[in-house]
Each structure stands twice: as C-alpha cells, then as structure tokens.
Amino acid sequence: MKSANTNRVLSRRRSGVSGFTLIELMVAITVFLVIGAAAMSLFKQHASLFNDQQYQIGLNVSLRNALAQMENDVVNAGTGWYNAANNFASWPVGVKIVNNTAGGATCHPTGTATYNAACFDTLNLIVPDPTTPPGLIYVSPGTPGCATPALTGTTGTGNATMTISPVAPSTQSQLLSGMIANSQVIFIHVGTSGTLMTTAVLTQAASASGTNVLLTFGATKSDGTNSAAANDPLNLTTTANVDTALVPTTLTNSFCSGTDWVVKVAPITYSVDTSTATNPTLTRTENGTPAPIASQIIGFKLGASTVVLNGTNVSGSSGAYCYNAGSTTSPCYDFQYDQIRSIRISLIGRTPPGLYSNSNVYAPTMFTNSFDGQPYKIQALSIIVNPRNLSMND
C-alpha cells in the first residue's frame, strides 16, 4: 500500500511538470530570426559606412604623405649649383618636368576604371650625388684658364675623355669610387653672365691619372647637345628637347682648367607605374630603385611657374603655371628648365575599385563620382613648392 501511494504521488508530480510546445518553440525561433536579421542588417549598413570612412582616411593620408615626400625633395632640388655671383637663372637645372599633354580616351577610356601612362606627368629632380665630391677640370700643366679648353666632344658619337682633379679635403680615391660606369655627370662652366653646361654618361669606371682622375664618357656635339638619349637619360640636353636658338646661352662643350667642374648627379624620379591596370602606383626612383609611395593614383600633373626676364635682368617669377614644357607660349619655357622657379604638384587618388556596387541595396555603396562616373570615391590634393636653391635670387 505504501509503495502504491508513493507511485501515485510521483505520477502526479510528473504530470504537473510544464514545458514548451512545438508551436511555442517555432514562434520563439521565428521572433529570434526576425530580430537577428534586423540587427545584422543594421550592422552591415554601419560596417559599410565604417569601411568607407577608413578607405577615405587611408587615401587622404597616402596623398598627404606622398606630397610631403615630394615637397622635401623639390625644396632641395639644385642644391649646391646656384651661381650666387650674378643675377641670372643659371644652369645646371634642379628640376626636369615631363608633361604628358595627351588626354581623354587616350589615357582613360570612357566608362572604365583604367588609367594608363598617357594620363600622368613625370618629375625628375637633379641633385648632386652626396657621396661623390665634385672634381675640378684639369688641363696640363694645370694652369687655370681657357687657353686650352677641355672638350666633351664634337661629333656626338664615340667616346670622349676628360681629366679632373680632387679638391681638398676630397681625395682621388673618393672620385674613383664614385665615378663608376653608367654614372651621369654634369659639366659646369661658370661664366660672368650665368653658367653653361652639358651632361654625359660615363661609359666605363674612372681611372687614375697620376694624382688626378680620367673620365671616359659618351661624346657630345660641338654645341653641347647630345644626339643619343643613352648619353643623357634625363633628356636635359638631347637635341629633340632643346631649343636650338637658345643653345648658345645654356650649353657648351668647352670647359676651362682650374675653374670649371664635373659633378656626379643622383636624380630622383617621381612617376606613375601603370603596369597593374587596376592599381596605378606613384613611385619614387632613386639610384635606379623604384619604391611605391601611393597606390590608386589616377592623376599626377605638374605645372611650372617661370622666371620673368626684363631685358637681361631677372625681375621676378610669373604668376601663371605652364603644363606643357615644350610650348613657347608664355608662361611656358620651351624645355629651358633653368627658368623654372616654382612647381605646382597635383595628385588625384581613389579608393580601390570594386568596393562599391550600384546594384547593392544599401545606400552607402550606391555611389557614382562626378570625376569619371565610376563607383569609387575620389580625393585630390595639390601644393606649390619653390625649390629654394633655384628661386632664392629672384
């Protein structure tokens, strides 16, 4: 009897235990899914906004850092070459701009995200190699003067030679270690009304000549121009890039013993690498080694303000900027880079293509910019830089 009563009590307790029915469970899951979906939708929308902001911030920082790097290099262009003894814009140059005037579909096919090399300019900064001292032109017996000038060539073909001497505290060994094959050098003649120059590339390493140094290089023409780009990879003096009417005032192949100089150059080049069509990249090349400094660049343009000449005296700099270095129309300068006094650098960048899709239902990604009609964000920055060693005497 006791056992039977106990079983009945347990049975009543078990039957009184409550729980979720299948319908209640399905309703609860449905409510959870609805709320979860709403939360995920809100999260996705805000995540898209967050990513958009991060990409734009990254783009802005990238452009600013690139411009800061270029500004630092441009400010120091031409360091050590300015002839402060007179009031003339003087060779050698510190800045070489290559303007690409092609536009439209030539550089950017309409309705695409592709930009090619025709869209971008190139900036060459010509500075002396800080590790190689300059050498003084030497003509035996070493007496200063131009009675027997040293020549860089007459035919523009073959090799020419020139002897240079170290000037204390520099040594012969420093010149020998720095003047190696394929080095570009600039020959500088200091005159009473400015400087004359030419440039060449060493075809072999320098050799000792007594206490002096013998240079062997690609010969120039008799007027100081170069007929082969191999002798002037920066195109400072190649015939195609020099106005022959102005050659006598800027170029020469004749240099004086004991007063004129040979300087090894270490150019820095800024250009846009378009080998990856989806990511044009601004690069800085020094000593032949390119280094990327900004990605997704779709605009790199360079304008130059030039010196204003009043008769034979410098009266100041022009206020306008020229974007075609080969033009003779004011304020352009017809490849006379010694006349450049100020540079306007413009950079345009974008967020990576493919981030935005106009078929997406979320508002943050439904976007088409007004620059090229593509679904990515655009930022543009520009600065004006005065190379201090070129403009200090205006």
Protein backbone atom coordinates (compact mmCIF):
# COMPACT_ATOMS: atom_id res chain seq x y z
CA MET A 1 0.00 0.00 0.00
CA LYS A 2 2.76 2.40 0.86
CA SER A 3 4.57 1.67 -2.36
CA ALA A 4 1.46 2.16 -4.46
CA ASN A 5 0.73 5.51 -2.81
CA THR A 6 4.24 6.65 -3.46
CA ASN A 7 3.99 5.78 -7.15
CA ARG A 8 0.74 7.70 -7.48
CA VAL A 9 2.34 10.81 -5.91
CA LEU A 10 5.33 10.67 -8.28
CA SER A 11 3.00 10.19 -11.20
CA ARG A 12 1.00 13.25 -10.22
CA ARG A 13 4.24 15.26 -9.87
CA ARG A 14 5.48 14.19 -13.29
CA SER A 15 2.22 15.09 -14.96
CA GLY A 16 2.37 18.57 -13.39
CA VAL A 17 5.77 19.44 -14.97
CA SER A 18 5.29 22.25 -17.61
CA GLY A 19 7.37 22.83 -20.93
CA PHE A 20 7.38 24.44 -24.43
CA THR A 21 5.16 23.01 -27.02
CA LEU A 22 6.46 22.62 -30.59
CA ILE A 23 4.37 25.59 -31.72
CA GLU A 24 5.78 27.82 -28.96
CA LEU A 25 9.30 26.80 -29.89
CA MET A 26 8.74 27.61 -33.57
CA VAL A 27 7.27 31.02 -32.70
CA ALA A 28 10.25 31.83 -30.47
CA ILE A 29 12.74 30.83 -33.17
CA THR A 30 10.86 32.93 -35.72
CA VAL A 31 10.95 36.01 -33.48
CA PHE A 32 14.65 35.47 -32.80
CA LEU A 33 15.39 35.20 -36.52
CA VAL A 34 13.48 38.39 -37.31
CA ILE A 35 15.26 40.37 -34.60
CA GLY A 36 18.65 38.86 -35.56
CA ALA A 37 18.11 39.68 -39.21
CA ALA A 38 17.24 43.28 -38.36
CA ALA A 39 20.33 43.56 -36.19
CA MET A 40 22.56 42.07 -38.87
CA SER A 41 21.09 44.40 -41.47
CA LEU A 42 21.82 47.40 -39.26
CA PHE A 43 25.32 46.11 -38.53
CA LYS A 44 26.05 45.54 -42.23
CA GLN A 45 24.91 49.03 -43.08
CA HIS A 46 27.13 50.62 -40.43
CA ALA A 47 30.05 48.32 -41.26
CA SER A 48 29.85 49.58 -44.84
CA LEU A 49 29.93 53.18 -43.61
CA PHE A 50 32.89 52.38 -41.35
CA ASN A 51 34.83 50.73 -44.18
CA ASP A 52 34.04 53.64 -46.48
CA GLN A 53 35.41 56.12 -43.94
CA GLN A 54 38.51 54.03 -43.32
CA TYR A 55 39.34 53.81 -47.03
CA GLN A 56 38.84 57.56 -47.48
CA ILE A 57 41.02 58.33 -44.45
CA GLY A 58 43.70 55.98 -45.75
CA LEU A 59 43.54 57.65 -49.17
CA ASN A 60 43.88 61.11 -47.66
CA VAL A 61 46.86 60.09 -45.52
CA SER A 62 48.51 58.40 -48.51
CA LEU A 63 48.17 61.52 -50.70
CA ARG A 64 49.43 63.83 -47.97
CA ASN A 65 52.45 61.64 -47.24
CA ALA A 66 53.30 61.46 -50.95
CA LEU A 67 53.10 65.25 -51.34
CA ALA A 68 55.20 65.76 -48.21
CA GLN A 69 57.89 63.47 -49.62
CA MET A 70 57.89 65.29 -52.96
CA GLU A 71 57.94 68.69 -51.27
CA ASN A 72 61.02 67.71 -49.26
CA ASP A 73 62.83 66.55 -52.40
CA VAL A 74 61.77 69.50 -54.58
CA VAL A 75 62.82 72.08 -51.98
CA ASN A 76 66.35 70.71 -52.15
CA ALA A 77 66.50 70.45 -55.95
CA GLY A 78 69.59 72.07 -57.38
CA THR A 79 71.34 72.24 -54.01
CA GLY A 80 74.92 73.45 -54.38
CA TRP A 81 74.61 74.51 -58.02
CA TYR A 82 73.23 78.03 -57.74
CA ASN A 83 75.63 80.69 -59.00
CA ALA A 84 75.12 83.45 -56.45
CA ALA A 85 77.77 85.69 -58.04
CA ASN A 86 75.30 87.01 -60.60
CA ASN A 87 71.62 87.72 -61.01
CA PHE A 88 70.74 85.22 -63.73
CA ALA A 89 68.81 81.98 -63.78
CA SER A 90 71.65 79.54 -64.17
CA TRP A 91 72.34 76.04 -65.36
CA PRO A 92 72.56 73.35 -64.25
CA VAL A 93 68.94 72.62 -63.62
CA GLY A 94 67.45 71.22 -60.45
CA VAL A 95 64.04 70.31 -61.87
CA LYS A 96 63.08 68.49 -65.07
CA ILE A 97 59.34 68.16 -65.82
CA VAL A 98 57.97 65.82 -68.44
CA ASN A 99 54.42 66.95 -69.23
CA ASN A 100 52.12 64.46 -70.91
CA THR A 101 49.55 66.59 -72.70
CA ALA A 102 47.51 63.65 -74.04
CA GLY A 103 44.07 63.34 -72.53
CA GLY A 104 40.56 61.99 -73.00
CA ALA A 105 40.18 58.44 -74.22
CA THR A 106 43.92 58.34 -74.96
CA CYS A 107 44.67 57.95 -71.27
CA HIS A 108 41.32 56.95 -69.76
CA PRO A 109 38.74 55.02 -71.81
CA THR A 110 35.28 56.40 -71.04
CA GLY A 111 33.21 54.30 -68.67
CA THR A 112 36.15 52.33 -67.31
CA ALA A 113 38.31 52.39 -64.18
CA THR A 114 41.51 52.09 -66.25
CA TYR A 115 44.17 54.82 -66.40
CA ASN A 116 47.32 54.41 -68.47
CA ALA A 117 50.68 56.17 -68.77
CA ALA A 118 49.32 58.94 -71.02
CA CYS A 119 47.44 60.35 -68.01
CA PHE A 120 50.49 61.16 -65.90
CA ASP A 121 53.44 63.55 -65.87
CA THR A 122 56.97 62.76 -64.65
CA LEU A 123 59.12 64.77 -62.25
CA ASN A 124 62.93 64.47 -62.28
CA LEU A 125 64.90 66.17 -59.53
CA ILE A 126 68.55 66.67 -60.40
CA VAL A 127 70.79 66.88 -57.35
CA PRO A 128 74.49 66.17 -56.83
CA ASP A 129 75.39 62.74 -55.51
CA PRO A 130 76.09 63.40 -51.81
CA THR A 131 78.60 60.54 -51.64
CA THR A 132 80.79 61.72 -54.55
CA PRO A 133 82.66 65.06 -54.38
CA PRO A 134 82.86 67.30 -57.46
CA GLY A 135 86.05 67.34 -59.50
CA LEU A 136 87.84 70.35 -60.94
CA ILE A 137 88.55 70.38 -64.70
CA TYR A 138 92.26 69.79 -65.27
CA VAL A 139 94.29 70.58 -68.39
CA SER A 140 98.05 70.03 -68.22
CA PRO A 141 100.05 71.78 -66.80
CA GLY A 142 97.12 72.71 -64.55
CA THR A 143 97.24 76.48 -65.03
CA PRO A 144 93.76 77.96 -64.54
CA GLY A 145 92.29 79.41 -67.72
CA CYS A 146 90.64 78.69 -71.06
CA ALA A 147 93.61 78.98 -73.39
CA THR A 148 93.35 75.22 -73.99
CA PRO A 149 89.80 74.23 -73.02
CA ALA A 150 88.78 70.67 -72.27
CA LEU A 151 86.12 69.45 -74.72
CA THR A 152 83.29 66.99 -74.17
CA GLY A 153 83.22 66.06 -77.88
CA THR A 154 82.44 67.45 -81.31
CA THR A 155 80.63 64.75 -83.29
CA GLY A 156 78.17 63.40 -80.74
CA THR A 157 79.40 59.86 -81.38
CA GLY A 158 82.06 57.65 -79.81
CA ASN A 159 83.80 58.38 -76.54
CA ALA A 160 85.48 61.49 -75.18
CA THR A 161 87.80 61.84 -72.18
CA MET A 162 88.44 64.50 -69.58
CA THR A 163 90.79 64.77 -66.62
CA ILE A 164 89.55 66.09 -63.32
CA SER A 165 91.39 66.74 -60.08
CA PRO A 166 90.17 66.35 -56.49
CA VAL A 167 89.90 69.46 -54.36
CA ALA A 168 90.85 69.14 -50.71
CA PRO A 169 89.50 67.79 -48.46
CA SER A 170 88.20 65.35 -51.09
CA THR A 171 90.60 62.71 -52.37
CA GLN A 172 91.41 60.85 -55.56
CA SER A 173 90.07 57.61 -54.06
CA GLN A 174 86.68 59.26 -53.40
CA LEU A 175 86.40 60.31 -57.04
CA LEU A 176 87.46 56.88 -58.27
CA SER A 177 84.93 55.08 -56.07
CA GLY A 178 82.08 57.40 -57.06
CA MET A 179 82.67 57.90 -60.78
CA ILE A 180 81.63 54.44 -61.91
CA ALA A 181 80.34 53.15 -65.25
CA ASN A 182 76.86 54.41 -66.27
CA SER A 183 77.05 57.38 -63.89
CA GLN A 184 75.56 60.57 -65.31
CA VAL A 185 77.67 63.67 -64.78
CA ILE A 186 77.13 67.37 -65.43
CA PHE A 187 79.92 69.62 -66.69
CA ILE A 188 79.60 73.17 -65.37
CA HIS A 189 81.24 76.29 -66.84
CA VAL A 190 80.95 79.32 -64.57
CA GLY A 191 80.83 82.49 -66.67
CA THR A 192 80.30 86.19 -65.96
CA SER A 193 76.67 86.14 -67.13
CA GLY A 194 75.47 82.80 -65.81
CA THR A 195 76.56 79.23 -66.23
CA LEU A 196 76.86 76.97 -69.24
CA MET A 197 76.72 73.21 -69.05
CA THR A 198 76.33 69.87 -70.74
CA THR A 199 75.88 66.34 -69.49
CA ALA A 200 77.13 62.85 -70.36
CA VAL A 201 77.16 59.26 -69.13
CA LEU A 202 80.39 57.52 -68.17
CA THR A 203 80.97 54.52 -70.42
CA GLN A 204 83.49 52.97 -68.03
CA ALA A 205 84.71 53.45 -64.50
CA ALA A 206 87.07 56.34 -63.86
CA SER A 207 90.80 55.55 -63.78
CA ALA A 208 93.77 57.13 -62.02
CA SER A 209 95.96 59.54 -63.99
CA GLY A 210 98.81 60.43 -61.68
CA THR A 211 97.15 62.26 -58.80
CA ASN A 212 94.16 63.07 -60.99
CA VAL A 213 91.21 61.08 -62.39
CA LEU A 214 90.45 60.29 -66.04
CA LEU A 215 86.80 60.14 -67.13
CA THR A 216 85.60 58.38 -70.28
CA PHE A 217 82.08 59.20 -71.48
CA GLY A 218 79.78 59.38 -74.49
CA ALA A 219 80.82 62.37 -76.59
CA THR A 220 78.56 65.38 -77.09
CA LYS A 221 78.17 67.54 -80.16
CA SER A 222 80.22 70.71 -80.52
CA ASP A 223 77.36 72.84 -79.15
CA GLY A 224 76.96 70.70 -76.03
CA THR A 225 73.83 68.86 -77.13
CA ASN A 226 73.53 65.10 -77.08
CA SER A 227 72.25 63.21 -80.09
CA ALA A 228 71.73 59.92 -78.26
CA ALA A 229 69.42 59.52 -75.27
CA ALA A 230 71.86 56.93 -73.91
CA ASN A 231 74.28 59.81 -73.22
CA ASP A 232 71.55 61.82 -71.46
CA PRO A 233 68.84 59.55 -69.97
CA LEU A 234 67.23 62.55 -68.25
CA ASN A 235 66.86 64.29 -71.63
CA LEU A 236 68.34 67.54 -70.39
CA THR A 237 70.45 68.19 -73.47
CA THR A 238 69.22 65.78 -76.14
CA THR A 239 68.69 67.60 -79.43
CA ALA A 240 64.95 66.85 -79.55
CA ASN A 241 64.38 68.56 -76.20
CA VAL A 242 66.47 71.70 -76.61
CA ASP A 243 65.52 74.86 -78.49
CA THR A 244 68.50 75.32 -80.79
CA ALA A 245 68.04 79.10 -80.78
CA LEU A 246 68.76 79.15 -77.06
CA VAL A 247 71.61 76.61 -77.04
CA PRO A 248 74.42 79.24 -77.03
CA THR A 249 73.08 80.74 -73.80
CA THR A 250 72.75 77.44 -71.95
CA LEU A 251 75.00 74.74 -73.40
CA THR A 252 78.66 74.34 -74.29
CA ASN A 253 81.22 71.60 -74.87
CA SER A 254 84.18 73.75 -73.80
CA PHE A 255 85.36 73.87 -70.19
CA CYS A 256 88.16 75.78 -68.50
CA SER A 257 91.01 74.35 -66.49
CA GLY A 258 91.07 75.13 -62.78
CA THR A 259 87.71 76.96 -62.69
CA ASP A 260 85.04 74.61 -64.06
CA TRP A 261 83.58 71.49 -62.50
CA VAL A 262 82.29 67.99 -63.08
CA VAL A 263 79.53 66.80 -60.74
CA LYS A 264 78.02 63.34 -60.49
CA VAL A 265 74.22 63.54 -60.31
CA ALA A 266 71.84 61.42 -58.28
CA PRO A 267 68.43 62.02 -59.87
CA ILE A 268 65.19 61.31 -58.06
CA THR A 269 62.25 60.49 -60.33
CA TYR A 270 58.56 60.55 -59.48
CA SER A 271 56.30 58.74 -61.95
CA VAL A 272 53.19 56.55 -62.02
CA ASP A 273 53.61 52.84 -62.65
CA THR A 274 50.64 51.62 -64.71
CA SER A 275 51.81 48.04 -65.21
CA THR A 276 48.93 46.92 -62.96
CA ALA A 277 45.88 48.37 -64.70
CA THR A 278 43.69 48.21 -61.59
CA ASN A 279 46.23 49.99 -59.39
CA PRO A 280 48.28 52.88 -60.86
CA THR A 281 51.03 53.47 -58.30
CA LEU A 282 53.08 56.61 -57.69
CA THR A 283 56.72 55.59 -57.34
CA ARG A 284 59.91 57.34 -56.23
CA THR A 285 63.02 56.08 -58.03
CA GLU A 286 66.46 56.81 -56.61
CA ASN A 287 69.68 55.17 -57.78
CA GLY A 288 67.63 53.07 -60.19
CA THR A 289 65.48 51.52 -57.46
CA PRO A 290 61.73 52.32 -57.57
CA ALA A 291 59.78 52.47 -54.32
CA PRO A 292 55.95 52.80 -54.23
CA ILE A 293 54.71 55.73 -52.15
CA ALA A 294 50.99 55.93 -53.03
CA SER A 295 48.56 53.47 -54.63
CA GLN A 296 45.39 54.01 -56.68
CA ILE A 297 46.66 57.26 -58.24
CA ILE A 298 44.57 58.42 -61.21
CA GLY A 299 46.04 61.91 -61.62
CA PHE A 300 49.60 63.25 -61.37
CA LYS A 301 50.09 66.63 -63.07
CA LEU A 302 52.90 69.14 -62.83
CA GLY A 303 52.82 72.85 -63.62
CA ALA A 304 55.77 75.23 -63.58
CA SER A 305 55.98 78.94 -62.92
CA THR A 306 58.97 80.50 -64.66
CA VAL A 307 61.39 83.35 -64.13
CA VAL A 308 60.45 86.70 -65.70
CA LEU A 309 63.26 88.35 -67.65
CA ASN A 310 63.35 92.12 -68.10
CA GLY A 311 65.99 92.59 -70.76
CA THR A 312 68.97 90.81 -69.22
CA ASN A 313 67.95 91.08 -65.58
CA VAL A 314 65.70 88.83 -63.56
CA SER A 315 62.69 90.81 -62.37
CA GLY A 316 60.75 88.07 -60.58
CA SER A 317 58.64 84.99 -61.23
CA SER A 318 55.48 84.65 -63.28
CA GLY A 319 52.20 84.02 -61.51
CA ALA A 320 50.79 81.56 -64.05
CA TYR A 321 51.66 77.87 -64.31
CA CYS A 322 52.51 76.08 -67.53
CA TYR A 323 51.56 72.43 -68.08
CA ASN A 324 53.40 71.96 -71.37
CA ALA A 325 57.17 72.24 -71.01
CA GLY A 326 57.67 72.17 -74.79
CA SER A 327 55.49 75.18 -75.52
CA THR A 328 56.91 78.62 -76.31
CA THR A 329 53.71 80.43 -75.32
CA SER A 330 54.09 82.43 -72.11
CA PRO A 331 54.45 81.37 -69.31
CA CYS A 332 55.94 78.19 -70.81
CA TYR A 333 59.67 77.81 -71.23
CA ASP A 334 60.40 75.60 -74.24
CA PHE A 335 62.45 73.00 -72.34
CA GLN A 336 64.61 75.68 -70.69
CA TYR A 337 64.47 74.12 -67.24
CA ASP A 338 66.85 76.67 -65.75
CA GLN A 339 63.91 79.11 -65.90
CA ILE A 340 61.67 77.14 -63.51
CA ARG A 341 61.10 78.88 -60.20
CA SER A 342 58.00 77.24 -58.73
CA ILE A 343 56.18 73.94 -59.21
CA ARG A 344 52.51 73.07 -58.72
CA ILE A 345 52.05 69.38 -57.94
CA SER A 346 48.56 67.88 -58.21
CA LEU A 347 47.64 64.36 -57.10
CA ILE A 348 44.30 62.61 -57.55
CA GLY A 349 43.63 59.30 -55.85
CA ARG A 350 40.72 56.91 -55.48
CA THR A 351 39.53 54.22 -53.14
CA PRO A 352 40.12 50.72 -54.59
CA PRO A 353 37.81 49.80 -57.49
CA GLY A 354 35.27 47.12 -56.62
CA LEU A 355 34.46 48.42 -53.15
CA TYR A 356 31.23 49.96 -54.35
CA SER A 357 28.44 48.34 -56.36
CA ASN A 358 25.50 50.33 -57.64
CA SER A 359 23.38 47.17 -57.55
CA ASN A 360 23.75 46.99 -53.77
CA VAL A 361 20.58 47.90 -51.90
CA TYR A 362 22.46 49.68 -49.13
CA ALA A 363 22.68 53.43 -49.56
CA PRO A 364 26.37 53.84 -48.53
CA THR A 365 27.53 51.81 -51.50
CA MET A 366 25.15 53.27 -54.08
CA PHE A 367 27.58 55.89 -55.38
CA THR A 368 28.92 57.29 -58.64
CA ASN A 369 31.52 60.06 -58.51
CA SER A 370 31.34 63.12 -60.77
CA PHE A 371 35.02 62.91 -61.79
CA ASP A 372 34.92 59.87 -64.07
CA GLY A 373 31.46 58.42 -63.38
CA GLN A 374 32.81 55.35 -61.58
CA PRO A 375 31.58 53.85 -58.28
CA TYR A 376 34.55 54.77 -56.09
CA LYS A 377 35.47 57.81 -54.02
CA ILE A 378 37.91 60.46 -55.30
CA GLN A 379 40.25 62.81 -53.43
CA ALA A 380 42.54 65.47 -54.90
CA LEU A 381 45.32 67.48 -53.26
CA SER A 382 47.81 69.97 -54.66
CA ILE A 383 50.71 72.03 -53.34
CA ILE A 384 53.00 74.73 -54.68
CA VAL A 385 56.70 74.27 -53.95
CA ASN A 386 59.57 76.70 -54.51
CA PRO A 387 62.93 74.97 -54.92
CA ARG A 388 64.88 77.28 -52.64
CA ASN A 389 68.19 76.94 -54.47
CA LEU A 390 66.60 77.89 -57.79
CA SER A 391 64.32 80.72 -56.64
CA MET A 392 66.37 82.33 -53.86
CA ASN A 393 67.82 85.04 -56.14
CA ASP A 394 64.63 86.22 -57.89
